Amino acid sequence: MGGRPLIGVSTYLEAGTRWGVWELEAALLPAAYPRLVSRAGGLPALLPPDDPSLAPEVVARLDGVVIAGGPDVDPARYGAERTPRCGPPAPERDAWELALIEAALAAHVPLLGICRGMQLLNVALGGTLVQHLDGHAEAVGVFGAHPVHPVPGTLYAAIQPDGTSVPTYHHQAVDRLAPGLVPSAHAADGTIEAVELPSAGGAGGWVLGVQWHPEMGTDERVMRALIAAASKGGS
């Protein structure tokens, strides 16, 4: 079948969300995510947290998966004690998104991790995280910007060969890189800003994680690359 590829994007569950006269739990996602998928040529499908055992069935219906930004990953997921500046856990979302990542990798469905999504990809494959770093957010609730520099010869360098300024808002980052992942971009302070899984390409997959928030900027190249991979079935 032709047409635009169907791209699933993970979402939040938020309690006490108000609209009109109602205050209920809601599945939410900043509108910038589906708008970016649409602008880049895909059809967005929102994926609220669900039973992790359903993830393979969900992924089987998708052409690509985006793991969105959000709360800190629970340090217990990578065998660490929580530090005071680590945010509260989101166990349902951790479990669901880890299951989506594992299902996408197993099915060779193109996968893009954004901010938390990149960090969770690293954790899913056996890596660890820095629980707090400074200088990668403008202020509370305000996106900053800083340049990232691609590593020559990587998938990311093929997408964005020149250093570029990106929208950023994070306080966690890769610490120990997971086996199999390679860094494909860095910030000026050495922070790993993008990772990829080269072995996925040989199996027909496409796996990239970026530390920044492309949905908050105007550069669509990363999302367009995902859409292109999804359109080809990841080949």
C-alpha atoms as a PDB file:
ATOM      1  CA  MET A   1       0.000   0.000   0.000  1.00  0.00           C
ATOM      2  CA  GLY A   2       1.169   3.506  -0.782  1.00  0.00           C
ATOM      3  CA  GLY A   3       0.537   6.771   1.012  1.00  0.00           C
ATOM      4  CA  ARG A   4       2.063   8.370   4.039  1.00  0.00           C
ATOM      5  CA  PRO A   5       3.675   6.074   6.612  1.00  0.00           C
ATOM      6  CA  LEU A   6       1.942   5.688   9.983  1.00  0.00           C
ATOM      7  CA  ILE A   7       4.198   6.951  12.787  1.00  0.00           C
ATOM      8  CA  GLY A   8       3.352   6.118  16.380  1.00  0.00           C
ATOM      9  CA  VAL A   9       4.364   8.677  19.012  1.00  0.00           C
ATOM     10  CA  SER A  10       4.380   7.808  22.715  1.00  0.00           C
ATOM     11  CA  THR A  11       2.375  10.033  25.061  1.00  0.00           C
ATOM     12  CA  TYR A  12       1.937  10.983  28.713  1.00  0.00           C
ATOM     13  CA  LEU A  13      -0.739   9.957  31.194  1.00  0.00           C
ATOM     14  CA  GLU A  14      -1.542  12.977  33.355  1.00  0.00           C
ATOM     15  CA  ALA A  15      -3.916  12.972  36.321  1.00  0.00           C
ATOM     16  CA  GLY A  16      -6.226  15.895  37.096  1.00  0.00           C
ATOM     17  CA  THR A  17      -6.208  17.371  33.593  1.00  0.00           C
ATOM     18  CA  ARG A  18      -8.902  20.028  33.160  1.00  0.00           C
ATOM     19  CA  TRP A  19     -10.873  20.971  30.076  1.00  0.00           C
ATOM     20  CA  GLY A  20     -14.321  22.525  30.154  1.00  0.00           C
ATOM     21  CA  VAL A  21     -16.150  21.252  33.240  1.00  0.00           C
ATOM     22  CA  TRP A  22     -14.057  18.079  33.406  1.00  0.00           C
ATOM     23  CA  GLU A  23     -11.005  17.162  35.448  1.00  0.00           C
ATOM     24  CA  LEU A  24      -9.889  13.655  34.514  1.00  0.00           C
ATOM     25  CA  GLU A  25      -6.836  11.574  33.751  1.00  0.00           C
ATOM     26  CA  ALA A  26      -5.819  12.218  30.159  1.00  0.00           C
ATOM     27  CA  ALA A  27      -3.388  10.914  27.567  1.00  0.00           C
ATOM     28  CA  LEU A  28      -1.458  13.984  26.438  1.00  0.00           C
ATOM     29  CA  LEU A  29       1.281  14.980  24.024  1.00  0.00           C
ATOM     30  CA  PRO A  30       2.487  18.470  23.059  1.00  0.00           C
ATOM     31  CA  ALA A  31       0.930  19.240  19.678  1.00  0.00           C
ATOM     32  CA  ALA A  32       4.361  20.066  18.228  1.00  0.00           C
ATOM     33  CA  TYR A  33       5.116  16.320  17.923  1.00  0.00           C
ATOM     34  CA  PRO A  34       2.229  15.284  15.641  1.00  0.00           C
ATOM     35  CA  ARG A  35       2.577  18.537  13.733  1.00  0.00           C
ATOM     36  CA  LEU A  36       6.225  17.760  12.989  1.00  0.00           C
ATOM     37  CA  VAL A  37       5.334  14.222  11.873  1.00  0.00           C
ATOM     38  CA  SER A  38       2.686  15.661   9.552  1.00  0.00           C
ATOM     39  CA  ARG A  39       4.983  18.355   8.125  1.00  0.00           C
ATOM     40  CA  ALA A  40       7.665  15.744   7.503  1.00  0.00           C
ATOM     41  CA  GLY A  41       5.276  13.582   5.487  1.00  0.00           C
ATOM     42  CA  GLY A  42       3.931  11.054   7.993  1.00  0.00           C
ATOM     43  CA  LEU A  43       0.599  10.272   9.621  1.00  0.00           C
ATOM     44  CA  PRO A  44       0.877  10.609  13.425  1.00  0.00           C
ATOM     45  CA  ALA A  45      -0.768   8.074  15.747  1.00  0.00           C
ATOM     46  CA  LEU A  46      -0.663   8.773  19.493  1.00  0.00           C
ATOM     47  CA  LEU A  47       0.305   5.851  21.741  1.00  0.00           C
ATOM     48  CA  PRO A  48      -0.808   6.288  25.377  1.00  0.00           C
ATOM     49  CA  PRO A  49       0.797   4.060  28.019  1.00  0.00           C
ATOM     50  CA  ASP A  50      -0.756   0.586  27.950  1.00  0.00           C
ATOM     51  CA  ASP A  51      -0.026  -3.013  28.895  1.00  0.00           C
ATOM     52  CA  PRO A  52       3.592  -3.589  27.826  1.00  0.00           C
ATOM     53  CA  SER A  53       2.663  -7.038  26.505  1.00  0.00           C
ATOM     54  CA  LEU A  54       0.647  -5.290  23.763  1.00  0.00           C
ATOM     55  CA  ALA A  55       3.632  -3.373  22.388  1.00  0.00           C
ATOM     56  CA  PRO A  56       4.577  -5.938  19.690  1.00  0.00           C
ATOM     57  CA  GLU A  57       1.000  -5.951  18.387  1.00  0.00           C
ATOM     58  CA  VAL A  58       0.923  -2.136  18.327  1.00  0.00           C
ATOM     59  CA  VAL A  59       4.300  -1.811  16.614  1.00  0.00           C
ATOM     60  CA  ALA A  60       3.282  -4.391  13.997  1.00  0.00           C
ATOM     61  CA  ARG A  61       0.642  -1.918  12.777  1.00  0.00           C
ATOM     62  CA  LEU A  62       3.089   0.994  12.500  1.00  0.00           C
ATOM     63  CA  ASP A  63       5.654   2.045   9.921  1.00  0.00           C
ATOM     64  CA  GLY A  64       7.775   3.977  12.434  1.00  0.00           C
ATOM     65  CA  VAL A  65       7.959   4.769  16.161  1.00  0.00           C
ATOM     66  CA  VAL A  66       8.880   7.978  18.006  1.00  0.00           C
ATOM     67  CA  ILE A  67       9.595   7.858  21.739  1.00  0.00           C
ATOM     68  CA  ALA A  68       8.840  11.390  22.893  1.00  0.00           C
ATOM     69  CA  GLY A  69      10.485  13.556  25.525  1.00  0.00           C
ATOM     70  CA  GLY A  70       9.176  13.698  29.061  1.00  0.00           C
ATOM     71  CA  PRO A  71      10.020  12.859  32.682  1.00  0.00           C
ATOM     72  CA  ASP A  72      13.259  11.379  33.969  1.00  0.00           C
ATOM     73  CA  VAL A  73      13.832   7.660  33.545  1.00  0.00           C
ATOM     74  CA  ASP A  74      13.653   5.802  36.864  1.00  0.00           C
ATOM     75  CA  PRO A  75      17.287   5.155  37.936  1.00  0.00           C
ATOM     76  CA  ALA A  76      16.218   1.698  39.120  1.00  0.00           C
ATOM     77  CA  ARG A  77      15.902   0.822  35.433  1.00  0.00           C
ATOM     78  CA  TYR A  78      19.683   1.077  35.108  1.00  0.00           C
ATOM     79  CA  GLY A  79      20.631  -0.137  38.578  1.00  0.00           C
ATOM     80  CA  ALA A  80      21.365   3.243  40.179  1.00  0.00           C
ATOM     81  CA  GLU A  81      20.230   4.992  43.340  1.00  0.00           C
ATOM     82  CA  ARG A  82      18.087   8.095  42.825  1.00  0.00           C
ATOM     83  CA  THR A  83      19.964  11.351  43.432  1.00  0.00           C
ATOM     84  CA  PRO A  84      18.252  14.461  44.875  1.00  0.00           C
ATOM     85  CA  ARG A  85      18.050  16.261  41.498  1.00  0.00           C
ATOM     86  CA  CYS A  86      16.490  13.360  39.627  1.00  0.00           C
ATOM     87  CA  GLY A  87      12.784  13.830  38.937  1.00  0.00           C
ATOM     88  CA  PRO A  88       9.967  11.592  40.212  1.00  0.00           C
ATOM     89  CA  PRO A  89       9.468   8.234  38.497  1.00  0.00           C
ATOM     90  CA  ALA A  90       6.854   7.496  35.828  1.00  0.00           C
ATOM     91  CA  PRO A  91       6.727   3.696  36.085  1.00  0.00           C
ATOM     92  CA  GLU A  92       3.839   3.087  33.675  1.00  0.00           C
ATOM     93  CA  ARG A  93       5.442   5.204  30.992  1.00  0.00           C
ATOM     94  CA  ASP A  94       8.891   3.650  31.528  1.00  0.00           C
ATOM     95  CA  ALA A  95       7.449   0.148  31.161  1.00  0.00           C
ATOM     96  CA  TRP A  96       5.373   0.995  28.081  1.00  0.00           C
ATOM     97  CA  GLU A  97       8.089   2.876  26.225  1.00  0.00           C
ATOM     98  CA  LEU A  98      10.738   0.255  26.989  1.00  0.00           C
ATOM     99  CA  ALA A  99       8.351  -2.323  25.547  1.00  0.00           C
ATOM    100  CA  LEU A 100       7.809  -0.168  22.443  1.00  0.00           C
ATOM    101  CA  ILE A 101      11.574   0.169  21.970  1.00  0.00           C
ATOM    102  CA  GLU A 102      12.126  -3.563  22.348  1.00  0.00           C
ATOM    103  CA  ALA A 103       9.268  -4.341  19.939  1.00  0.00           C
ATOM    104  CA  ALA A 104      10.512  -1.844  17.334  1.00  0.00           C
ATOM    105  CA  LEU A 105      14.049  -3.253  17.522  1.00  0.00           C
ATOM    106  CA  ALA A 106      12.796  -6.829  17.267  1.00  0.00           C
ATOM    107  CA  ALA A 107      10.572  -6.028  14.259  1.00  0.00           C
ATOM    108  CA  HIS A 108      13.156  -3.742  12.574  1.00  0.00           C
ATOM    109  CA  VAL A 109      10.655  -0.872  12.583  1.00  0.00           C
ATOM    110  CA  PRO A 110      12.384   2.541  12.238  1.00  0.00           C
ATOM    111  CA  LEU A 111      12.762   4.145  15.668  1.00  0.00           C
ATOM    112  CA  LEU A 112      13.499   7.722  16.721  1.00  0.00           C
ATOM    113  CA  GLY A 113      14.076   8.645  20.367  1.00  0.00           C
ATOM    114  CA  ILE A 114      13.720  12.310  21.339  1.00  0.00           C
ATOM    115  CA  CYS A 115      15.386  13.562  24.560  1.00  0.00           C
ATOM    116  CA  ARG A 116      13.976  11.126  27.150  1.00  0.00           C
ATOM    117  CA  GLY A 117      13.439   8.769  24.225  1.00  0.00           C
ATOM    118  CA  MET A 118      17.156   8.762  23.431  1.00  0.00           C
ATOM    119  CA  GLN A 119      18.007   8.261  27.109  1.00  0.00           C
ATOM    120  CA  LEU A 120      15.529   5.388  27.391  1.00  0.00           C
ATOM    121  CA  LEU A 121      16.975   3.764  24.266  1.00  0.00           C
ATOM    122  CA  ASN A 122      20.378   3.802  25.962  1.00  0.00           C
ATOM    123  CA  VAL A 123      18.892   2.275  29.116  1.00  0.00           C
ATOM    124  CA  ALA A 124      16.946  -0.353  27.135  1.00  0.00           C
ATOM    125  CA  LEU A 125      20.195  -1.582  25.587  1.00  0.00           C
ATOM    126  CA  GLY A 126      22.146  -1.675  28.864  1.00  0.00           C
ATOM    127  CA  GLY A 127      23.509   1.850  29.304  1.00  0.00           C
ATOM    128  CA  THR A 128      23.273   4.293  32.206  1.00  0.00           C
ATOM    129  CA  LEU A 129      22.450   7.992  32.605  1.00  0.00           C
ATOM    130  CA  VAL A 130      23.869  11.100  34.229  1.00  0.00           C
ATOM    131  CA  GLN A 131      21.028  12.072  36.559  1.00  0.00           C
ATOM    132  CA  HIS A 132      21.732  15.811  36.420  1.00  0.00           C
ATOM    133  CA  LEU A 133      23.840  18.175  34.355  1.00  0.00           C
ATOM    134  CA  ASP A 134      23.667  21.938  33.938  1.00  0.00           C
ATOM    135  CA  GLY A 135      23.788  24.140  30.866  1.00  0.00           C
ATOM    136  CA  HIS A 136      21.328  22.328  28.578  1.00  0.00           C
ATOM    137  CA  ALA A 137      18.181  24.311  29.391  1.00  0.00           C
ATOM    138  CA  GLU A 138      17.597  28.062  29.327  1.00  0.00           C
ATOM    139  CA  ALA A 139      15.431  28.204  32.458  1.00  0.00           C
ATOM    140  CA  VAL A 140      12.564  26.264  33.994  1.00  0.00           C
ATOM    141  CA  GLY A 141       9.962  25.889  31.261  1.00  0.00           C
ATOM    142  CA  VAL A 142      12.103  27.676  28.652  1.00  0.00           C
ATOM    143  CA  PHE A 143      13.830  25.933  25.752  1.00  0.00           C
ATOM    144  CA  GLY A 144      17.398  26.948  25.091  1.00  0.00           C
ATOM    145  CA  ALA A 145      19.595  26.366  22.051  1.00  0.00           C
ATOM    146  CA  HIS A 146      23.162  25.226  21.506  1.00  0.00           C
ATOM    147  CA  PRO A 147      25.182  23.765  18.622  1.00  0.00           C
ATOM    148  CA  VAL A 148      25.701  20.050  18.119  1.00  0.00           C
ATOM    149  CA  HIS A 149      28.509  18.577  16.038  1.00  0.00           C
ATOM    150  CA  PRO A 150      27.974  15.371  14.026  1.00  0.00           C
ATOM    151  CA  VAL A 151      30.436  12.507  14.077  1.00  0.00           C
ATOM    152  CA  PRO A 152      31.649  11.913  10.494  1.00  0.00           C
ATOM    153  CA  GLY A 153      30.524   8.685   8.897  1.00  0.00           C
ATOM    154  CA  THR A 154      27.411   8.243  11.048  1.00  0.00           C
ATOM    155  CA  LEU A 155      23.751   8.093  10.078  1.00  0.00           C
ATOM    156  CA  TYR A 156      23.190  11.423  11.788  1.00  0.00           C
ATOM    157  CA  ALA A 157      26.067  13.052   9.897  1.00  0.00           C
ATOM    158  CA  ALA A 158      24.443  11.919   6.646  1.00  0.00           C
ATOM    159  CA  ILE A 159      21.200  13.619   7.728  1.00  0.00           C
ATOM    160  CA  GLN A 160      22.780  16.832   9.048  1.00  0.00           C
ATOM    161  CA  PRO A 161      26.428  16.955   7.909  1.00  0.00           C
ATOM    162  CA  ASP A 162      27.184  20.374   9.376  1.00  0.00           C
ATOM    163  CA  GLY A 163      27.058  21.503  12.982  1.00  0.00           C
ATOM    164  CA  THR A 164      23.735  23.113  13.717  1.00  0.00           C
ATOM    165  CA  SER A 165      21.981  24.860  16.597  1.00  0.00           C
ATOM    166  CA  VAL A 166      19.192  22.780  18.140  1.00  0.00           C
ATOM    167  CA  PRO A 167      16.331  23.431  20.611  1.00  0.00           C
ATOM    168  CA  THR A 168      17.309  21.927  23.930  1.00  0.00           C
ATOM    169  CA  TYR A 169      15.722  21.307  27.325  1.00  0.00           C
ATOM    170  CA  HIS A 170      17.206  18.466  29.340  1.00  0.00           C
ATOM    171  CA  HIS A 171      19.152  17.866  32.522  1.00  0.00           C
ATOM    172  CA  GLN A 172      20.005  14.205  32.007  1.00  0.00           C
ATOM    173  CA  ALA A 173      22.310  12.575  29.476  1.00  0.00           C
ATOM    174  CA  VAL A 174      24.086   9.369  28.521  1.00  0.00           C
ATOM    175  CA  ASP A 175      26.679   8.251  31.064  1.00  0.00           C
ATOM    176  CA  ARG A 176      27.803   4.732  30.096  1.00  0.00           C
ATOM    177  CA  LEU A 177      26.915   4.131  26.472  1.00  0.00           C
ATOM    178  CA  ALA A 178      25.011   0.904  25.852  1.00  0.00           C
ATOM    179  CA  PRO A 179      26.738  -1.910  23.943  1.00  0.00           C
ATOM    180  CA  GLY A 180      26.064  -1.572  20.232  1.00  0.00           C
ATOM    181  CA  LEU A 181      25.156   2.112  20.316  1.00  0.00           C
ATOM    182  CA  VAL A 182      27.580   4.644  18.873  1.00  0.00           C
ATOM    183  CA  PRO A 183      27.645   8.406  19.528  1.00  0.00           C
ATOM    184  CA  SER A 184      26.798  10.382  16.404  1.00  0.00           C
ATOM    185  CA  ALA A 185      26.801  13.978  17.705  1.00  0.00           C
ATOM    186  CA  HIS A 186      28.262  15.911  20.646  1.00  0.00           C
ATOM    187  CA  ALA A 187      27.731  19.254  22.333  1.00  0.00           C
ATOM    188  CA  ALA A 188      30.661  21.600  22.908  1.00  0.00           C
ATOM    189  CA  ASP A 189      31.027  20.300  26.480  1.00  0.00           C
ATOM    190  CA  GLY A 190      31.357  16.723  25.213  1.00  0.00           C
ATOM    191  CA  THR A 191      27.827  15.609  26.107  1.00  0.00           C
ATOM    192  CA  ILE A 192      26.587  12.919  23.732  1.00  0.00           C
ATOM    193  CA  GLU A 193      23.783  14.572  21.767  1.00  0.00           C
ATOM    194  CA  ALA A 194      22.840  11.751  19.380  1.00  0.00           C
ATOM    195  CA  VAL A 195      23.217   7.981  19.327  1.00  0.00           C
ATOM    196  CA  GLU A 196      22.476   5.330  16.727  1.00  0.00           C
ATOM    197  CA  LEU A 197      22.496   1.568  16.346  1.00  0.00           C
ATOM    198  CA  PRO A 198      24.517   0.662  13.237  1.00  0.00           C
ATOM    199  CA  SER A 199      23.717  -3.039  13.553  1.00  0.00           C
ATOM    200  CA  ALA A 200      20.036  -2.238  13.005  1.00  0.00           C
ATOM    201  CA  GLY A 201      20.750  -1.139   9.442  1.00  0.00           C
ATOM    202  CA  GLY A 202      21.985  -4.561   8.429  1.00  0.00           C
ATOM    203  CA  ALA A 203      18.716  -6.084   9.611  1.00  0.00           C
ATOM    204  CA  GLY A 204      16.608  -3.577   7.716  1.00  0.00           C
ATOM    205  CA  GLY A 205      16.111  -1.248  10.682  1.00  0.00           C
ATOM    206  CA  TRP A 206      16.819   2.431  11.352  1.00  0.00           C
ATOM    207  CA  VAL A 207      17.522   3.544  14.937  1.00  0.00           C
ATOM    208  CA  LEU A 208      18.476   7.064  16.023  1.00  0.00           C
ATOM    209  CA  GLY A 209      18.216   9.003  19.263  1.00  0.00           C
ATOM    210  CA  VAL A 210      18.664  12.765  19.644  1.00  0.00           C
ATOM    211  CA  GLN A 211      19.028  14.605  22.927  1.00  0.00           C
ATOM    212  CA  TRP A 212      17.324  17.769  21.686  1.00  0.00           C
ATOM    213  CA  HIS A 213      13.737  18.587  20.680  1.00  0.00           C
ATOM    214  CA  PRO A 214      13.331  18.820  16.882  1.00  0.00           C
ATOM    215  CA  GLU A 215       9.593  19.376  17.333  1.00  0.00           C
ATOM    216  CA  MET A 216      10.374  22.764  18.900  1.00  0.00           C
ATOM    217  CA  GLY A 217      12.399  24.021  15.933  1.00  0.00           C
ATOM    218  CA  THR A 218      12.061  24.473  12.195  1.00  0.00           C
ATOM    219  CA  ASP A 219      14.643  21.922  11.024  1.00  0.00           C
ATOM    220  CA  GLU A 220      12.669  18.873   9.838  1.00  0.00           C
ATOM    221  CA  ARG A 221      15.594  16.794   8.556  1.00  0.00           C
ATOM    222  CA  VAL A 222      15.728  14.268  11.409  1.00  0.00           C
ATOM    223  CA  MET A 223      11.996  13.566  11.223  1.00  0.00           C
ATOM    224  CA  ARG A 224      12.086  13.485   7.424  1.00  0.00           C
ATOM    225  CA  ALA A 225      14.831  10.863   7.629  1.00  0.00           C
ATOM    226  CA  LEU A 226      12.644   8.724   9.897  1.00  0.00           C
ATOM    227  CA  ILE A 227       9.710   9.144   7.493  1.00  0.00           C
ATOM    228  CA  ALA A 228      11.910   8.157   4.549  1.00  0.00           C
ATOM    229  CA  ALA A 229      13.065   5.013   6.380  1.00  0.00           C
ATOM    230  CA  ALA A 230       9.486   4.192   7.372  1.00  0.00           C
ATOM    231  CA  SER A 231       8.330   4.632   3.778  1.00  0.00           C
ATOM    232  CA  LYS A 232      10.856   1.999   2.674  1.00  0.00           C
ATOM    233  CA  GLY A 233      10.040  -0.376   5.482  1.00  0.00           C
ATOM    234  CA  GLY A 234      13.307   0.608   7.205  1.00  0.00           C
ATOM    235  CA  SER A 235      15.550  -0.481   4.335  1.00  0.00           C
END
